[in-house]
Amino acid sequence: MSDIGTTTRPAPKAAVILTKGAEARIADLMSKAPNDAIGVKLSTPRRGCSGLAYSVDYVSEELAFDEKIETPGGIFYIDGASVLYLVGSIMDWVEDDFSAGFVFENPNAKGACGCGESFMV
C-alpha cells in the first residue's frame, strides 16, 4: 500500500490556551450559571483607551463561527469575530488579597492602556 497523496496533519489547536486556574474558574461560573446558560464566552468588544477589551459572559446559544473548547467544568466559547485578536493567547485566573480576575498573555497585543483595561492589536 502506498501513502502517496495522503497527508497527516495534527489536530487544530485552540486559539486560546486555558490554564488549570482558568478551567477551575469556568467550572465555578458554570456551577452558578443561569438555567439557560450553555457556557461562558470570551469576546473582545471595542472599549477603553486602547480600543479592545476582554469580556467573559454567560451565553445561551452557540453561534456558527464561535470556537468551542470543552473543559472539565463546562463549555468555553471564543467569539468568532475575536479569534483573530486572541490566537496564541494564554488565559489564566488570578486571585490575591486585593483582586481577582482573568489575566491574558496575548502575543497579538501591541500595547495596552495604563489601567490595563484595554489593549490594541
Protein backbone atom coordinates (compact mmCIF):
# COMPACT_ATOMS: atom_id res chain seq x y z
CA MET A 1 0.00 0.00 0.00
CA SER A 2 1.33 3.42 -0.92
CA ASP A 3 0.99 6.60 1.14
CA ILE A 4 1.44 8.82 -1.89
CA GLY A 5 -1.10 11.60 -1.90
CA THR A 6 -2.02 11.31 1.76
CA THR A 7 -1.05 13.83 4.37
CA THR A 8 -1.22 13.57 8.11
CA ARG A 9 -1.93 16.82 9.91
CA PRO A 10 -2.03 17.50 13.63
CA ALA A 11 -5.40 18.31 15.16
CA PRO A 12 -6.11 22.05 15.14
CA LYS A 13 -5.12 23.83 18.33
CA ALA A 14 -7.46 26.08 20.25
CA ALA A 15 -6.98 29.81 19.69
CA VAL A 16 -6.61 30.33 23.45
CA ILE A 17 -4.85 28.08 25.95
CA LEU A 18 -6.67 27.85 29.28
CA THR A 19 -4.64 27.29 32.44
CA LYS A 20 -5.90 24.97 35.18
CA GLY A 21 -6.86 28.11 37.13
CA ALA A 22 -8.98 29.39 34.22
CA GLU A 23 -10.64 25.99 33.80
CA ALA A 24 -11.44 25.88 37.52
CA ARG A 25 -13.00 29.35 37.34
CA ILE A 26 -15.10 28.33 34.33
CA ALA A 27 -16.33 25.32 36.33
CA ASP A 28 -17.18 27.63 39.25
CA LEU A 29 -19.05 30.04 36.95
CA MET A 30 -21.00 27.19 35.35
CA SER A 31 -21.98 25.83 38.78
CA LYS A 32 -23.71 29.19 39.42
CA ALA A 33 -24.91 29.82 35.86
CA PRO A 34 -28.45 30.83 34.92
CA ASN A 35 -30.60 27.93 33.73
CA ASP A 36 -30.40 28.95 30.07
CA ALA A 37 -26.58 29.26 30.02
CA ILE A 38 -24.76 26.71 27.84
CA GLY A 39 -21.28 28.03 28.61
CA VAL A 40 -19.16 31.12 29.02
CA LYS A 41 -17.80 33.17 26.14
CA LEU A 42 -14.73 35.33 25.66
CA SER A 43 -15.07 38.30 23.34
CA THR A 44 -13.14 41.48 22.62
CA PRO A 45 -15.61 44.37 22.42
CA ARG A 46 -14.40 47.84 21.43
CA ARG A 47 -13.86 49.66 24.68
CA GLY A 48 -11.32 51.65 26.68
CA CYS A 49 -8.43 53.92 25.73
CA SER A 50 -6.61 51.35 23.58
CA GLY A 51 -9.56 50.05 21.59
CA LEU A 52 -10.32 46.45 22.64
CA ALA A 53 -11.13 44.85 25.97
CA TYR A 54 -11.56 41.29 27.21
CA SER A 55 -15.08 40.31 28.20
CA VAL A 56 -16.25 36.97 29.63
CA ASP A 57 -20.01 36.41 29.86
CA TYR A 58 -22.57 33.62 30.05
CA VAL A 59 -24.04 32.56 26.71
CA SER A 60 -27.33 30.87 25.98
CA GLU A 61 -26.78 29.97 22.33
CA GLU A 62 -23.94 28.67 20.21
CA LEU A 63 -23.15 30.76 17.13
CA ALA A 64 -21.80 29.23 13.92
CA PHE A 65 -18.37 30.92 13.88
CA ASP A 66 -17.61 30.74 17.60
CA GLU A 67 -14.74 28.50 18.65
CA LYS A 68 -15.83 25.87 21.16
CA ILE A 69 -13.50 24.47 23.82
CA GLU A 70 -14.76 21.71 26.09
CA THR A 71 -13.33 22.00 29.59
CA PRO A 72 -13.94 19.66 32.54
CA GLY A 73 -16.32 22.19 34.12
CA GLY A 74 -18.22 23.44 31.09
CA ILE A 75 -18.01 24.75 27.58
CA PHE A 76 -15.88 27.80 26.84
CA TYR A 77 -16.60 29.75 23.67
CA ILE A 78 -14.47 32.30 21.86
CA ASP A 79 -16.35 34.87 19.82
CA GLY A 80 -15.76 34.18 16.13
CA ALA A 81 -15.01 37.85 15.41
CA SER A 82 -12.46 37.96 18.26
CA VAL A 83 -10.42 34.84 17.43
CA LEU A 84 -8.05 36.79 15.17
CA TYR A 85 -7.06 39.06 18.10
CA LEU A 86 -6.61 36.14 20.51
CA VAL A 87 -4.73 33.40 18.62
CA GLY A 88 -1.86 32.13 20.77
CA SER A 89 -3.11 33.74 23.98
CA ILE A 90 -2.99 32.17 27.42
CA MET A 91 -5.91 32.81 29.75
CA ASP A 92 -5.46 32.41 33.50
CA TRP A 93 -7.48 33.14 36.64
CA VAL A 94 -5.51 35.03 39.28
CA GLU A 95 -6.56 35.86 42.84
CA ASP A 96 -4.69 37.76 45.52
CA ASP A 97 -5.59 39.68 48.68
CA PHE A 98 -6.89 42.67 46.72
CA SER A 99 -8.30 41.46 43.41
CA ALA A 100 -9.39 38.50 41.34
CA GLY A 101 -9.87 38.17 37.61
CA PHE A 102 -8.96 36.60 34.33
CA VAL A 103 -5.49 37.56 33.11
CA PHE A 104 -4.41 37.31 29.48
CA GLU A 105 -0.99 36.82 27.95
CA ASN A 106 -1.73 37.90 24.39
CA PRO A 107 1.10 37.83 21.82
CA ASN A 108 -1.06 39.87 19.41
CA ALA A 109 -1.40 42.88 21.72
CA LYS A 110 0.85 45.71 20.55
CA GLY A 111 0.08 47.86 23.58
CA ALA A 112 -2.29 48.39 26.49
CA CYS A 113 -3.73 51.33 28.33
CA GLY A 114 -2.21 52.38 31.64
CA CYS A 115 -5.03 50.92 33.73
CA GLY A 116 -4.84 47.55 31.95
CA GLU A 117 -8.50 47.56 30.93
CA SER A 118 -7.95 47.58 27.18
CA PHE A 119 -5.40 46.62 24.53
CA MET A 120 -4.58 47.29 20.87
CA VAL A 121 -3.50 44.96 18.09
